[in-house]
Amino acid sequence: MDFGYHAPTLSFPVHGTLMIEPTESESKHEMDQFIDALLTIREEIREIETGKADAKDNVLLNAPHPEYEIVADEWHHAYSRQKAAYPTKWVAENKFWIPVSRVDNGFGDRNLVAKF
């Protein structure tokens, strides 16, 4: 979500894999940006693998980064707000701010709270 993408059509054909199936309505420009996002995410993984990024406090593990976290008075991460908010130039030029941070789906599934 830090790159402005919602979950595309996905499937898991083989355990431990992810198949992304973009529709024919996606332009080449959009596909190029999506590939750039995937390559950037791969580089974030590499930073953790090589020890350049902390294994427990990194931009990947803490994603997504909502606006209220980016503009907060305090920032408790080893990486910059810039890296969290604008991972690529094209994201900085067309940022989509999500309303919430990461949701613990497992916890939510086990602890459903209905609010009326």
N, C-alpha and C. Protein backbone atom coordinates (compact mmCIF):
# COMPACT_ATOMS: atom_id res chain seq x y z
N MET A 1 0.81 -1.19 0.00
CA MET A 1 0.00 0.00 0.00
C MET A 1 0.86 1.27 0.00
N ASP A 2 2.10 1.19 0.48
CA ASP A 2 2.96 2.37 0.44
C ASP A 2 3.25 2.81 -0.99
N PHE A 3 3.04 1.92 -1.94
CA PHE A 3 3.25 2.24 -3.35
C PHE A 3 1.94 2.64 -4.03
N GLY A 4 0.82 2.62 -3.29
CA GLY A 4 -0.45 3.03 -3.86
C GLY A 4 -1.20 1.93 -4.58
N TYR A 5 -0.81 0.69 -4.39
CA TYR A 5 -1.49 -0.42 -5.05
C TYR A 5 -2.38 -1.16 -4.07
N HIS A 6 -3.56 -1.49 -4.51
CA HIS A 6 -4.42 -2.40 -3.76
C HIS A 6 -4.13 -3.79 -4.26
N ALA A 7 -4.61 -4.78 -3.56
CA ALA A 7 -4.33 -6.16 -3.94
C ALA A 7 -4.93 -6.46 -5.32
N PRO A 8 -4.10 -6.81 -6.29
CA PRO A 8 -4.62 -7.20 -7.60
C PRO A 8 -5.18 -8.62 -7.54
N THR A 9 -5.58 -9.12 -8.67
CA THR A 9 -6.04 -10.50 -8.72
C THR A 9 -4.85 -11.41 -8.40
N LEU A 10 -5.00 -12.20 -7.36
CA LEU A 10 -3.89 -13.03 -6.89
C LEU A 10 -4.31 -14.48 -6.77
N SER A 11 -3.36 -15.35 -6.86
CA SER A 11 -3.58 -16.75 -6.54
C SER A 11 -2.27 -17.31 -6.01
N PHE A 12 -2.36 -18.45 -5.36
CA PHE A 12 -1.21 -19.10 -4.76
C PHE A 12 -1.10 -20.51 -5.34
N PRO A 13 -0.61 -20.62 -6.58
CA PRO A 13 -0.62 -21.91 -7.28
C PRO A 13 0.27 -22.97 -6.66
N VAL A 14 1.36 -22.56 -6.04
CA VAL A 14 2.29 -23.48 -5.40
C VAL A 14 2.59 -22.91 -4.02
N HIS A 15 2.63 -23.77 -3.01
CA HIS A 15 2.90 -23.32 -1.65
C HIS A 15 4.13 -22.42 -1.60
N GLY A 16 4.00 -21.26 -0.95
CA GLY A 16 5.11 -20.35 -0.82
C GLY A 16 5.32 -19.43 -2.01
N THR A 17 4.38 -19.44 -2.95
CA THR A 17 4.51 -18.58 -4.13
C THR A 17 3.29 -17.68 -4.24
N LEU A 18 3.42 -16.68 -5.07
CA LEU A 18 2.34 -15.74 -5.33
C LEU A 18 2.30 -15.46 -6.82
N MET A 19 1.14 -15.62 -7.43
CA MET A 19 0.99 -15.31 -8.84
C MET A 19 0.11 -14.07 -8.95
N ILE A 20 0.61 -13.05 -9.62
CA ILE A 20 -0.12 -11.80 -9.82
C ILE A 20 -0.67 -11.80 -11.23
N GLU A 21 -1.95 -11.54 -11.34
CA GLU A 21 -2.61 -11.58 -12.64
C GLU A 21 -3.24 -10.24 -12.97
N PRO A 22 -2.45 -9.32 -13.53
CA PRO A 22 -3.03 -8.03 -13.91
C PRO A 22 -4.03 -8.21 -15.05
N THR A 23 -4.99 -7.33 -15.10
CA THR A 23 -5.99 -7.42 -16.17
C THR A 23 -5.49 -6.72 -17.42
N GLU A 24 -6.16 -6.96 -18.51
CA GLU A 24 -5.77 -6.34 -19.77
C GLU A 24 -6.03 -4.84 -19.78
N SER A 25 -6.72 -4.33 -18.78
CA SER A 25 -6.98 -2.88 -18.71
C SER A 25 -5.78 -2.11 -18.15
N GLU A 26 -4.76 -2.80 -17.66
CA GLU A 26 -3.57 -2.13 -17.13
C GLU A 26 -2.70 -1.67 -18.29
N SER A 27 -2.28 -0.40 -18.24
CA SER A 27 -1.42 0.14 -19.30
C SER A 27 0.02 -0.34 -19.10
N LYS A 28 0.82 -0.19 -20.14
CA LYS A 28 2.24 -0.54 -20.03
C LYS A 28 2.91 0.34 -18.99
N HIS A 29 2.56 1.60 -18.96
CA HIS A 29 3.12 2.52 -17.97
C HIS A 29 2.81 2.04 -16.55
N GLU A 30 1.58 1.63 -16.31
CA GLU A 30 1.19 1.13 -14.98
C GLU A 30 1.94 -0.16 -14.65
N MET A 31 2.09 -1.03 -15.62
CA MET A 31 2.82 -2.28 -15.39
C MET A 31 4.31 -1.99 -15.10
N ASP A 32 4.89 -1.01 -15.80
CA ASP A 32 6.28 -0.64 -15.54
C ASP A 32 6.45 -0.11 -14.11
N GLN A 33 5.49 0.69 -13.66
CA GLN A 33 5.55 1.20 -12.29
C GLN A 33 5.38 0.07 -11.29
N PHE A 34 4.51 -0.88 -11.58
CA PHE A 34 4.32 -2.01 -10.69
C PHE A 34 5.60 -2.84 -10.57
N ILE A 35 6.25 -3.06 -11.69
CA ILE A 35 7.52 -3.79 -11.69
C ILE A 35 8.57 -3.02 -10.89
N ASP A 36 8.59 -1.70 -11.05
CA ASP A 36 9.50 -0.87 -10.27
C ASP A 36 9.23 -1.02 -8.77
N ALA A 37 7.95 -1.08 -8.39
CA ALA A 37 7.58 -1.28 -6.98
C ALA A 37 8.10 -2.63 -6.49
N LEU A 38 7.91 -3.67 -7.29
CA LEU A 38 8.39 -5.00 -6.89
C LEU A 38 9.91 -5.03 -6.75
N LEU A 39 10.62 -4.37 -7.66
CA LEU A 39 12.08 -4.32 -7.57
C LEU A 39 12.53 -3.52 -6.34
N THR A 40 11.81 -2.47 -6.01
CA THR A 40 12.12 -1.68 -4.82
C THR A 40 11.90 -2.51 -3.57
N ILE A 41 10.81 -3.26 -3.53
CA ILE A 41 10.53 -4.14 -2.39
C ILE A 41 11.62 -5.20 -2.27
N ARG A 42 12.06 -5.73 -3.40
CA ARG A 42 13.14 -6.72 -3.38
C ARG A 42 14.42 -6.12 -2.79
N GLU A 43 14.68 -4.86 -3.11
CA GLU A 43 15.86 -4.19 -2.55
C GLU A 43 15.70 -3.99 -1.04
N GLU A 44 14.48 -3.71 -0.59
CA GLU A 44 14.22 -3.60 0.85
C GLU A 44 14.49 -4.94 1.55
N ILE A 45 14.13 -6.03 0.90
CA ILE A 45 14.42 -7.36 1.44
C ILE A 45 15.93 -7.58 1.50
N ARG A 46 16.62 -7.21 0.44
CA ARG A 46 18.07 -7.37 0.38
C ARG A 46 18.76 -6.58 1.51
N GLU A 47 18.23 -5.39 1.82
CA GLU A 47 18.81 -4.59 2.91
C GLU A 47 18.70 -5.33 4.24
N ILE A 48 17.63 -6.07 4.45
CA ILE A 48 17.48 -6.86 5.67
C ILE A 48 18.43 -8.05 5.63
N GLU A 49 18.50 -8.73 4.49
CA GLU A 49 19.38 -9.89 4.35
C GLU A 49 20.84 -9.56 4.61
N THR A 50 21.27 -8.39 4.16
CA THR A 50 22.68 -8.02 4.29
C THR A 50 23.00 -7.29 5.59
N GLY A 51 21.97 -7.02 6.39
CA GLY A 51 22.18 -6.33 7.66
C GLY A 51 22.19 -4.82 7.55
N LYS A 52 21.96 -4.30 6.36
CA LYS A 52 21.91 -2.84 6.19
C LYS A 52 20.68 -2.26 6.89
N ALA A 53 19.59 -3.04 6.95
CA ALA A 53 18.37 -2.65 7.65
C ALA A 53 18.15 -3.59 8.82
N ASP A 54 17.64 -3.07 9.91
CA ASP A 54 17.36 -3.86 11.10
C ASP A 54 16.30 -4.92 10.80
N ALA A 55 16.50 -6.12 11.26
CA ALA A 55 15.56 -7.22 10.98
C ALA A 55 14.21 -7.04 11.66
N LYS A 56 14.16 -6.27 12.74
CA LYS A 56 12.90 -6.09 13.46
C LYS A 56 12.28 -4.71 13.27
N ASP A 57 13.04 -3.76 12.75
CA ASP A 57 12.54 -2.41 12.53
C ASP A 57 12.99 -1.94 11.15
N ASN A 58 12.19 -2.29 10.16
CA ASN A 58 12.54 -1.93 8.79
C ASN A 58 11.30 -1.47 8.04
N VAL A 59 11.54 -0.81 6.92
CA VAL A 59 10.45 -0.21 6.14
C VAL A 59 9.47 -1.27 5.63
N LEU A 60 9.96 -2.46 5.35
CA LEU A 60 9.11 -3.53 4.84
C LEU A 60 8.21 -4.11 5.93
N LEU A 61 8.78 -4.42 7.06
CA LEU A 61 8.02 -5.01 8.15
C LEU A 61 6.98 -4.05 8.72
N ASN A 62 7.28 -2.76 8.72
CA ASN A 62 6.37 -1.77 9.30
C ASN A 62 5.39 -1.18 8.30
N ALA A 63 5.48 -1.58 7.05
CA ALA A 63 4.55 -1.08 6.04
C ALA A 63 3.14 -1.63 6.29
N PRO A 64 2.14 -0.91 5.91
CA PRO A 64 2.15 0.41 5.27
C PRO A 64 2.29 1.53 6.29
N HIS A 65 2.69 2.68 5.80
CA HIS A 65 2.93 3.85 6.65
C HIS A 65 1.86 4.92 6.36
N PRO A 66 0.85 5.03 7.21
CA PRO A 66 -0.19 6.04 6.98
C PRO A 66 0.32 7.45 7.29
N GLU A 67 -0.39 8.42 6.78
CA GLU A 67 0.00 9.82 6.94
C GLU A 67 0.17 10.21 8.40
N TYR A 68 -0.73 9.74 9.27
CA TYR A 68 -0.65 10.15 10.67
C TYR A 68 0.64 9.67 11.33
N GLU A 69 1.25 8.61 10.85
CA GLU A 69 2.55 8.18 11.38
C GLU A 69 3.69 9.03 10.80
N ILE A 70 3.59 9.32 9.52
CA ILE A 70 4.65 10.09 8.84
C ILE A 70 4.75 11.50 9.41
N VAL A 71 3.63 12.13 9.71
CA VAL A 71 3.66 13.52 10.18
C VAL A 71 3.68 13.65 11.70
N ALA A 72 3.72 12.55 12.42
CA ALA A 72 3.74 12.60 13.89
C ALA A 72 5.00 13.31 14.38
N ASP A 73 4.91 13.88 15.56
CA ASP A 73 6.06 14.59 16.13
C ASP A 73 7.25 13.67 16.36
N GLU A 74 6.98 12.43 16.73
CA GLU A 74 8.06 11.49 17.01
C GLU A 74 8.14 10.42 15.92
N TRP A 75 9.35 10.00 15.64
CA TRP A 75 9.61 8.96 14.64
C TRP A 75 10.57 7.96 15.28
N HIS A 76 10.11 6.75 15.50
CA HIS A 76 10.89 5.76 16.26
C HIS A 76 11.48 4.66 15.37
N HIS A 77 11.84 4.98 14.16
CA HIS A 77 12.37 3.97 13.25
C HIS A 77 13.79 4.34 12.81
N ALA A 78 14.57 3.33 12.48
CA ALA A 78 15.95 3.54 12.03
C ALA A 78 16.00 4.10 10.61
N TYR A 79 14.97 3.88 9.82
CA TYR A 79 14.91 4.38 8.45
C TYR A 79 14.18 5.73 8.44
N SER A 80 14.35 6.46 7.36
CA SER A 80 13.80 7.81 7.29
C SER A 80 12.30 7.83 6.97
N ARG A 81 11.68 8.93 7.32
CA ARG A 81 10.27 9.14 6.95
C ARG A 81 10.14 9.18 5.43
N GLN A 82 11.13 9.76 4.78
CA GLN A 82 11.13 9.85 3.32
C GLN A 82 11.06 8.46 2.69
N LYS A 83 11.88 7.55 3.20
CA LYS A 83 11.88 6.18 2.67
C LYS A 83 10.55 5.49 2.92
N ALA A 84 9.94 5.75 4.06
CA ALA A 84 8.66 5.14 4.40
C ALA A 84 7.52 5.70 3.56
N ALA A 85 7.50 7.00 3.38
CA ALA A 85 6.38 7.65 2.70
C ALA A 85 6.49 7.62 1.18
N TYR A 86 7.71 7.79 0.68
CA TYR A 86 7.90 7.94 -0.76
C TYR A 86 9.01 7.00 -1.25
N PRO A 87 8.72 5.71 -1.35
CA PRO A 87 9.76 4.75 -1.72
C PRO A 87 10.31 4.92 -3.14
N THR A 88 9.57 5.59 -4.01
CA THR A 88 10.06 5.87 -5.36
C THR A 88 9.64 7.29 -5.75
N LYS A 89 10.26 7.82 -6.78
CA LYS A 89 9.93 9.18 -7.24
C LYS A 89 8.48 9.27 -7.69
N TRP A 90 8.01 8.26 -8.42
CA TRP A 90 6.64 8.33 -8.92
C TRP A 90 5.61 8.23 -7.81
N VAL A 91 5.95 7.58 -6.70
CA VAL A 91 5.04 7.56 -5.55
C VAL A 91 4.96 8.97 -4.95
N ALA A 92 6.10 9.64 -4.84
CA ALA A 92 6.12 10.99 -4.28
C ALA A 92 5.28 11.96 -5.11
N GLU A 93 5.21 11.72 -6.40
CA GLU A 93 4.45 12.61 -7.29
C GLU A 93 2.95 12.31 -7.29
N ASN A 94 2.56 11.15 -6.78
CA ASN A 94 1.15 10.76 -6.83
C ASN A 94 0.82 9.87 -5.64
N LYS A 95 1.06 10.37 -4.43
CA LYS A 95 0.91 9.58 -3.21
C LYS A 95 -0.55 9.34 -2.87
N PHE A 96 -0.87 8.09 -2.56
CA PHE A 96 -2.19 7.70 -2.04
C PHE A 96 -1.99 7.37 -0.57
N TRP A 97 -2.64 8.13 0.30
CA TRP A 97 -2.50 7.90 1.74
C TRP A 97 -3.56 6.93 2.21
N ILE A 98 -3.12 5.89 2.88
CA ILE A 98 -4.05 4.91 3.43
C ILE A 98 -4.55 5.41 4.79
N PRO A 99 -5.75 5.02 5.20
CA PRO A 99 -6.30 5.53 6.47
C PRO A 99 -5.77 4.84 7.72
N VAL A 100 -5.22 3.63 7.60
CA VAL A 100 -4.75 2.90 8.78
C VAL A 100 -3.43 2.21 8.48
N SER A 101 -2.73 1.85 9.54
CA SER A 101 -1.49 1.10 9.41
C SER A 101 -1.80 -0.38 9.24
N ARG A 102 -0.81 -1.22 9.45
CA ARG A 102 -0.97 -2.66 9.30
C ARG A 102 -2.02 -3.20 10.26
N VAL A 103 -2.81 -4.10 9.77
CA VAL A 103 -3.83 -4.76 10.57
C VAL A 103 -3.39 -6.19 10.80
N ASP A 104 -3.45 -6.64 12.03
CA ASP A 104 -3.10 -8.02 12.35
C ASP A 104 -4.31 -8.89 12.03
N ASN A 105 -4.35 -9.41 10.82
CA ASN A 105 -5.52 -10.17 10.37
C ASN A 105 -5.81 -11.38 11.24
N GLY A 106 -4.78 -12.10 11.67
CA GLY A 106 -4.99 -13.27 12.53
C GLY A 106 -5.66 -12.88 13.83
N PHE A 107 -5.16 -11.81 14.46
CA PHE A 107 -5.76 -11.34 15.70
C PHE A 107 -7.21 -10.90 15.45
N GLY A 108 -7.43 -10.17 14.38
CA GLY A 108 -8.77 -9.71 14.05
C GLY A 108 -9.73 -10.86 13.78
N ASP A 109 -9.24 -11.90 13.13
CA ASP A 109 -10.09 -13.07 12.86
C ASP A 109 -10.49 -13.77 14.15
N ARG A 110 -9.60 -13.77 15.14
CA ARG A 110 -9.88 -14.46 16.40
C ARG A 110 -10.61 -13.58 17.41
N ASN A 111 -10.59 -12.27 17.20
CA ASN A 111 -11.15 -11.33 18.16
C ASN A 111 -12.06 -10.33 17.47
N LEU A 112 -13.09 -10.81 16.83
CA LEU A 112 -14.01 -9.97 16.09
C LEU A 112 -14.79 -9.06 17.03
N VAL A 113 -14.78 -7.77 16.74
CA VAL A 113 -15.54 -6.80 17.53
C VAL A 113 -16.44 -6.05 16.57
N ALA A 114 -17.73 -6.21 16.74
CA ALA A 114 -18.69 -5.49 15.90
C ALA A 114 -19.06 -4.19 16.58
N LYS A 115 -18.91 -3.08 15.87
CA LYS A 115 -19.26 -1.78 16.42
C LYS A 115 -20.44 -1.22 15.64
N PHE A 116 -21.40 -0.74 16.37
CA PHE A 116 -22.60 -0.20 15.73
C PHE A 116 -22.72 1.28 15.99
